[in-house]
N, C-alpha and C. Protein backbone atom coordinates (compact mmCIF):
# COMPACT_ATOMS: atom_id res chain seq x y z
N MET A 1 1.14 -0.84 0.08
CA MET A 1 -0.25 -0.15 0.06
C MET A 1 0.68 1.12 -0.08
N HIS A 2 -0.01 2.64 0.10
CA HIS A 2 0.95 3.62 -0.17
C HIS A 2 0.46 4.49 0.79
N TYR A 3 0.71 5.56 1.44
CA TYR A 3 0.28 6.33 2.19
C TYR A 3 0.50 7.70 2.22
N ALA A 4 -0.86 8.88 1.80
CA ALA A 4 0.21 10.11 1.45
C ALA A 4 -0.10 10.94 1.99
N GLY A 5 -0.64 10.57 3.17
CA GLY A 5 -0.69 11.73 4.77
C GLY A 5 0.20 12.20 5.25
N ARG A 6 0.57 12.30 6.30
CA ARG A 6 1.15 13.38 7.16
C ARG A 6 2.75 12.35 7.69
N ARG A 7 3.63 12.91 7.08
CA ARG A 7 4.68 12.41 6.79
C ARG A 7 5.22 11.88 8.41
N ASP A 8 4.91 12.16 9.13
CA ASP A 8 5.17 11.63 10.81
C ASP A 8 4.25 10.12 11.34
N ARG A 9 3.52 10.19 10.07
CA ARG A 9 2.36 9.27 10.92
C ARG A 9 3.12 8.18 9.63
N LEU A 10 3.24 6.87 10.13
CA LEU A 10 4.02 5.40 9.83
C LEU A 10 2.72 4.88 9.66
N PRO A 11 1.80 4.31 9.08
CA PRO A 11 1.33 3.28 8.93
C PRO A 11 1.21 2.02 8.21
N PRO A 12 0.55 0.76 8.69
CA PRO A 12 1.15 -0.76 8.28
C PRO A 12 0.82 -0.25 6.55
N LEU A 13 1.64 -0.84 5.95
CA LEU A 13 1.60 -0.62 4.78
C LEU A 13 1.12 -1.98 3.72
N VAL A 14 1.28 -2.82 4.50
CA VAL A 14 1.00 -4.43 3.36
C VAL A 14 0.08 -5.12 4.38
N ALA A 15 -0.79 -5.72 4.25
CA ALA A 15 -1.79 -6.19 4.77
C ALA A 15 -1.48 -7.93 3.97
N LEU A 16 -1.94 -8.95 4.68
CA LEU A 16 -2.64 -10.00 4.33
C LEU A 16 -4.24 -10.38 4.35
N GLN A 17 -4.59 -11.85 3.70
CA GLN A 17 -6.11 -12.21 3.48
C GLN A 17 -5.93 -13.46 3.43
N MET A 18 -6.07 -14.27 3.83
CA MET A 18 -6.00 -15.72 3.55
C MET A 18 -7.59 -16.42 3.42
N GLY A 19 -8.26 -16.92 2.76
CA GLY A 19 -9.59 -16.85 2.23
C GLY A 19 -10.54 -15.62 2.67
N THR A 20 -11.35 -16.19 3.26
CA THR A 20 -12.35 -15.19 3.55
C THR A 20 -12.04 -14.11 4.85
N GLY A 21 -11.08 -14.69 5.33
CA GLY A 21 -11.02 -13.82 6.81
C GLY A 21 -9.92 -12.53 6.72
N ARG A 22 -10.38 -11.79 7.77
CA ARG A 22 -10.01 -10.38 7.84
C ARG A 22 -8.85 -10.22 7.32
N LEU A 23 -7.95 -9.02 6.76
CA LEU A 23 -7.25 -8.70 6.61
C LEU A 23 -6.40 -7.81 8.12
N ALA A 24 -4.91 -8.54 7.94
CA ALA A 24 -4.09 -8.91 9.31
C ALA A 24 -2.74 -7.87 8.18
N LEU A 25 -2.74 -6.58 8.71
CA LEU A 25 -1.83 -6.27 9.12
C LEU A 25 -0.74 -6.09 9.31
N GLN A 26 0.41 -5.88 8.48
CA GLN A 26 1.85 -6.83 9.14
C GLN A 26 2.69 -5.63 9.48
N TYR A 27 3.29 -5.44 11.05
CA TYR A 27 4.03 -4.43 11.78
C TYR A 27 5.51 -5.04 11.13
N ALA A 28 6.21 -3.82 11.05
CA ALA A 28 8.07 -4.46 11.10
C ALA A 28 8.55 -3.08 11.94
N PRO A 29 9.30 -3.32 12.44
CA PRO A 29 10.55 -2.20 13.01
C PRO A 29 9.89 -0.62 13.40
N ALA A 30 9.90 -0.02 13.83
CA ALA A 30 10.18 1.63 13.96
C ALA A 30 11.07 1.64 12.77
N ARG A 31 12.00 1.45 13.02
CA ARG A 31 13.21 2.37 12.38
C ARG A 31 12.70 1.82 10.81
N VAL A 32 12.50 0.63 10.12
CA VAL A 32 12.46 -0.40 8.89
C VAL A 32 10.83 0.11 8.59
N GLN A 33 9.98 0.38 8.95
CA GLN A 33 9.19 1.26 8.94
C GLN A 33 9.09 2.59 8.17
N ARG A 34 9.87 3.01 9.36
CA ARG A 34 10.09 5.09 8.49
C ARG A 34 11.20 4.35 7.69
N ASP A 35 11.91 3.54 6.87
CA ASP A 35 12.90 3.63 6.08
C ASP A 35 11.68 3.37 5.02
N MET A 36 10.87 2.91 5.01
CA MET A 36 9.87 2.65 3.54
C MET A 36 8.97 4.27 3.83
N HIS A 37 9.68 4.71 3.86
CA HIS A 37 8.79 6.26 3.21
C HIS A 37 7.33 5.83 3.22
N ASN A 38 6.58 4.89 3.29
CA ASN A 38 4.95 5.03 3.39
C ASN A 38 4.96 4.71 1.74
N TYR A 39 5.17 3.70 0.93
CA TYR A 39 5.65 3.52 -0.06
C TYR A 39 5.59 2.34 -0.58
N CYS A 40 4.73 0.99 -0.98
CA CYS A 40 5.56 0.07 -1.29
C CYS A 40 5.00 -0.45 -2.75
N GLY A 41 6.60 -1.24 -3.87
CA GLY A 41 5.98 -0.56 -4.81
C GLY A 41 5.70 -2.54 -5.17
N SER A 42 6.12 -3.46 -4.56
CA SER A 42 6.11 -4.66 -5.37
C SER A 42 5.72 -5.32 -4.64
N VAL A 43 5.23 -6.83 -4.16
CA VAL A 43 5.11 -8.04 -3.15
C VAL A 43 4.80 -9.23 -3.99
N ALA A 44 6.30 -10.43 -2.95
CA ALA A 44 5.76 -11.53 -3.75
C ALA A 44 6.30 -12.38 -2.70
N PHE A 45 5.59 -14.09 -2.40
CA PHE A 45 5.67 -15.00 -1.70
C PHE A 45 6.36 -15.63 -2.62
N ASP A 46 6.55 -16.69 -1.28
CA ASP A 46 7.95 -17.70 -1.84
C ASP A 46 7.42 -18.74 -2.10
N ASP A 47 8.33 -19.73 -2.41
CA ASP A 47 7.93 -20.82 -3.33
C ASP A 47 6.82 -21.62 -2.67
N HIS A 48 7.11 -21.61 -1.03
CA HIS A 48 5.83 -22.74 -0.31
C HIS A 48 4.64 -21.59 0.28
N GLY A 49 5.24 -20.54 -0.22
CA GLY A 49 4.13 -19.98 0.84
C GLY A 49 3.81 -19.45 1.87
N ARG A 50 5.32 -19.69 2.76
CA ARG A 50 5.52 -19.40 4.10
C ARG A 50 5.92 -18.29 4.39
N THR A 51 6.36 -17.13 3.66
CA THR A 51 7.43 -16.04 3.95
C THR A 51 7.00 -15.84 2.30
N PHE A 52 7.03 -13.74 2.92
CA PHE A 52 6.88 -12.89 1.43
C PHE A 52 7.83 -11.96 1.67
N ALA A 53 8.07 -11.06 0.75
CA ALA A 53 8.66 -9.58 0.63
C ALA A 53 7.94 -8.68 0.04
N ALA A 54 8.21 -7.42 0.46
CA ALA A 54 8.02 -6.23 -0.08
C ALA A 54 8.66 -5.69 -0.82
N SER A 55 8.49 -4.21 -1.91
CA SER A 55 9.66 -3.39 -1.92
C SER A 55 9.19 -2.04 -1.50
N SER A 56 10.17 -1.33 -1.13
CA SER A 56 9.84 0.50 -1.12
C SER A 56 11.24 0.79 -1.85
N PRO A 57 10.85 0.99 -3.19
CA PRO A 57 11.65 1.94 -4.20
C PRO A 57 12.28 2.98 -2.94
N ARG A 58 11.32 3.79 -2.90
CA ARG A 58 11.56 5.46 -2.37
C ARG A 58 12.43 5.42 -1.42
N GLY A 59 12.54 4.37 -0.41
CA GLY A 59 12.64 3.70 0.49
C GLY A 59 14.63 2.85 0.74
N GLY A 60 14.31 2.22 -0.51
CA GLY A 60 15.88 1.56 -0.78
C GLY A 60 15.87 0.50 0.39
N ILE A 61 14.69 0.05 0.18
CA ILE A 61 14.55 -1.45 1.05
C ILE A 61 13.65 -2.33 0.74
N ALA A 62 13.95 -3.70 1.00
CA ALA A 62 12.94 -4.78 1.38
C ALA A 62 12.72 -5.17 2.12
N ILE A 63 11.29 -6.22 2.66
CA ILE A 63 11.18 -6.27 4.47
C ILE A 63 10.51 -7.47 4.09
N ARG A 64 11.09 -8.79 4.80
CA ARG A 64 10.10 -10.13 4.71
C ARG A 64 9.63 -10.12 5.97
N TRP A 65 8.86 -10.67 5.73
CA TRP A 65 7.65 -11.14 6.56
C TRP A 65 7.13 -12.93 6.41
N SER A 66 6.96 -13.40 7.89
CA SER A 66 6.20 -14.66 7.73
C SER A 66 4.59 -14.53 7.44
N VAL A 67 4.05 -15.37 7.03
CA VAL A 67 2.48 -15.45 6.64
C VAL A 67 1.95 -15.58 8.22
N ASP A 68 2.42 -15.78 9.61
CA ASP A 68 1.83 -15.31 10.40
C ASP A 68 1.86 -14.51 11.10
N GLY A 69 2.61 -13.75 10.37
CA GLY A 69 2.31 -11.83 10.71
C GLY A 69 4.33 -11.79 11.27
N ALA A 70 5.06 -12.46 11.39
CA ALA A 70 6.70 -12.59 12.16
C ALA A 70 7.64 -11.61 11.15
N PHE A 71 7.71 -10.01 11.69
CA PHE A 71 8.95 -9.63 10.64
C PHE A 71 9.89 -10.41 10.64
N LEU A 72 10.57 -10.88 9.73
CA LEU A 72 11.83 -11.37 9.72
C LEU A 72 13.28 -10.68 9.20
N GLU A 73 12.90 -9.99 8.25
CA GLU A 73 14.66 -9.37 8.29
C GLU A 73 13.95 -8.09 6.88
N SER A 74 15.34 -7.56 6.51
CA SER A 74 15.36 -5.97 5.97
C SER A 74 16.50 -5.95 5.27
N HIS A 75 16.31 -5.80 3.80
CA HIS A 75 17.24 -6.01 2.42
C HIS A 75 17.24 -4.49 2.29
N THR A 76 18.31 -4.28 2.55
CA THR A 76 18.92 -2.82 1.91
C THR A 76 19.10 -2.55 0.06
N GLN A 77 18.58 -1.80 -0.79
CA GLN A 77 18.85 -2.13 -2.34
C GLN A 77 18.31 -0.89 -3.37
N GLU A 78 19.22 0.17 -3.19
CA GLU A 78 18.74 1.88 -3.41
C GLU A 78 17.56 1.40 -4.46
N ASP A 79 16.42 1.99 -4.97
CA ASP A 79 15.41 2.05 -5.36
C ASP A 79 15.22 0.54 -6.35
N VAL A 80 15.13 0.19 -4.96
CA VAL A 80 15.10 -1.88 -5.10
C VAL A 80 12.94 -1.54 -5.77
N ARG A 81 12.94 -2.65 -6.90
CA ARG A 81 11.31 -2.15 -7.34
C ARG A 81 10.89 -4.06 -7.06
N GLY A 82 11.14 -4.41 -8.29
CA GLY A 82 10.58 -5.48 -8.61
C GLY A 82 11.27 -7.20 -7.42
N ILE A 83 10.18 -8.24 -7.53
CA ILE A 83 10.72 -8.95 -6.71
C ILE A 83 10.23 -10.37 -6.90
N SER A 84 10.92 -10.81 -6.98
CA SER A 84 10.84 -12.75 -7.72
C SER A 84 11.75 -13.52 -6.76
N SER A 85 10.59 -14.23 -6.06
CA SER A 85 11.20 -15.77 -5.40
C SER A 85 11.41 -16.88 -6.07
N THR A 86 12.73 -17.26 -5.71
CA THR A 86 13.57 -18.66 -6.30
C THR A 86 13.63 -19.75 -4.62
N PRO A 87 14.24 -20.81 -5.56
CA PRO A 87 14.21 -21.90 -4.44
C PRO A 87 15.23 -21.14 -3.34
N GLY A 88 15.35 -20.92 -2.11
CA GLY A 88 16.49 -20.59 -1.07
C GLY A 88 15.79 -19.09 -1.02
N GLY A 89 15.32 -18.52 -1.86
CA GLY A 89 15.14 -16.68 -1.26
C GLY A 89 14.81 -15.88 -2.40
N PHE A 90 15.57 -14.81 -3.00
CA PHE A 90 14.54 -13.87 -3.59
C PHE A 90 14.97 -13.03 -4.25
N TRP A 91 14.72 -12.60 -5.49
CA TRP A 91 15.98 -11.86 -6.09
C TRP A 91 15.48 -10.93 -6.23
N PHE A 92 15.95 -9.52 -6.51
CA PHE A 92 15.42 -7.80 -6.08
C PHE A 92 16.10 -7.20 -7.25
N SER A 93 14.74 -6.70 -8.23
CA SER A 93 15.55 -5.71 -8.63
C SER A 93 15.05 -4.29 -8.74
N ASP A 94 16.36 -3.32 -9.44
CA ASP A 94 16.34 -1.77 -8.67
C ASP A 94 16.50 -0.75 -10.17
N GLY A 95 16.07 0.66 -9.60
CA GLY A 95 15.66 1.40 -11.29
C GLY A 95 17.19 1.80 -11.75
N LEU A 96 18.39 0.86 -10.56
CA LEU A 96 19.55 1.37 -11.37
C LEU A 96 20.47 -0.16 -12.38
N GLY A 97 19.57 -0.82 -12.58
CA GLY A 97 19.58 -2.19 -13.66
C GLY A 97 20.49 -2.63 -12.79
N ARG A 98 20.49 -2.85 -12.12
CA ARG A 98 20.69 -4.24 -11.01
C ARG A 98 20.37 -5.22 -10.38
N LEU A 99 20.61 -6.62 -10.24
CA LEU A 99 19.38 -7.65 -9.97
C LEU A 99 20.51 -7.97 -8.70
N GLN A 100 20.03 -8.55 -7.76
CA GLN A 100 20.67 -9.02 -6.00
C GLN A 100 19.64 -9.97 -5.57
N ALA A 101 20.14 -11.69 -5.67
CA ALA A 101 19.31 -12.20 -5.17
C ALA A 101 19.91 -12.02 -3.10
N ALA A 102 18.70 -12.12 -2.48
CA ALA A 102 18.75 -12.36 -0.96
C ALA A 102 18.26 -13.81 -0.80
N GLY A 103 19.11 -14.29 0.30
CA GLY A 103 18.02 -15.73 0.97
C GLY A 103 18.15 -15.21 2.37
N SER A 104 17.06 -16.77 2.89
CA SER A 104 17.08 -16.37 4.20
C SER A 104 18.33 -17.06 4.81
N GLY A 105 18.73 -16.59 5.17
CA GLY A 105 20.02 -17.08 5.89
C GLY A 105 21.37 -18.23 4.83
N ASN A 106 20.97 -18.67 4.38
CA ASN A 106 21.81 -19.95 3.74
C ASN A 106 21.75 -19.91 2.44
N VAL A 107 21.54 -18.59 1.52
CA VAL A 107 21.63 -18.39 0.11
C VAL A 107 23.13 -17.41 0.32
N GLU A 108 23.82 -17.44 -0.50
CA GLU A 108 24.89 -16.47 -0.25
C GLU A 108 24.62 -14.94 -1.59
N PRO A 109 23.86 -14.09 -0.97
CA PRO A 109 24.05 -13.05 -1.81
C PRO A 109 24.66 -12.92 -3.57
N VAL A 110 23.73 -12.55 -4.07
CA VAL A 110 24.54 -12.86 -5.77
C VAL A 110 23.92 -11.41 -6.31
N ARG A 111 24.82 -10.85 -6.68
CA ARG A 111 24.47 -9.64 -7.52
C ARG A 111 24.92 -9.35 -9.03
N ARG A 112 24.58 -8.60 -9.61
CA ARG A 112 24.24 -8.72 -11.21
C ARG A 112 23.93 -7.50 -11.33
N ALA A 113 24.78 -6.98 -12.64
CA ALA A 113 24.38 -5.29 -13.07
C ALA A 113 24.58 -5.07 -14.32
N PHE A 114 23.33 -4.93 -15.27
CA PHE A 114 23.06 -4.70 -16.40
C PHE A 114 23.45 -2.95 -16.85
N GLU A 115 24.58 -2.59 -17.45
CA GLU A 115 23.88 -1.11 -18.08
C GLU A 115 22.97 -1.07 -18.54
N ASP A 116 22.91 0.37 -18.80
CA ASP A 116 21.69 0.76 -19.32
C ASP A 116 20.07 0.32 -19.24
N THR A 117 20.25 -0.38 -18.44
CA THR A 117 19.34 -1.23 -17.75
C THR A 117 18.10 -0.63 -16.61
N HIS A 118 16.41 -0.06 -17.08
CA HIS A 118 16.03 0.27 -15.80
C HIS A 118 14.94 -0.54 -15.22
N TRP A 119 14.53 -1.43 -14.32
CA TRP A 119 14.46 -2.10 -14.21
C TRP A 119 12.64 -1.55 -13.48
N ASP A 120 11.57 -1.66 -13.28
CA ASP A 120 10.21 -1.69 -13.19
C ASP A 120 10.17 -2.11 -11.65
N ASN A 121 8.89 -2.38 -11.26
CA ASN A 121 8.39 -2.99 -10.20
C ASN A 121 7.81 -4.29 -10.77
N HIS A 122 8.05 -4.73 -11.89
CA HIS A 122 7.58 -5.93 -11.97
C HIS A 122 8.87 -7.38 -12.71
N LEU A 123 8.99 -8.33 -11.92
CA LEU A 123 9.94 -9.05 -11.91
C LEU A 123 9.85 -10.76 -11.76
N THR A 124 9.95 -11.14 -12.79
CA THR A 124 10.19 -13.02 -13.19
C THR A 124 11.26 -13.18 -13.14
N VAL A 125 11.21 -14.55 -12.34
CA VAL A 125 12.67 -14.96 -12.50
C VAL A 125 11.90 -16.37 -13.13
N CYS A 126 12.35 -17.10 -14.54
CA CYS A 126 12.50 -18.31 -15.05
C CYS A 126 13.01 -19.14 -14.89
């Protein structure tokens, strides 16, 4: 979600809904919530549907939660935009032509750069 109100307010920007259940707002630590600059760009679930990530291009940060609402970690990447799930983690694209892989602790980070490329909020890893 996006929030365009007062900048000193930091509402949750992500919510989950399971089946016909109620929306469950996802909370991040205050520092992470502030770093998101009240804007999310993309969301993707892992291959097993147990965790998901949301990107904030304005904040240069992506956040990962478990589907039970637990904040797991944040990933910093300037102008981070698209997200795609891969076995063991996620790929993150940015507006500066970079792709970075970040795992759940067991995957070594991988970085690639593509000159003259500017990714948007859509990313699919095949």
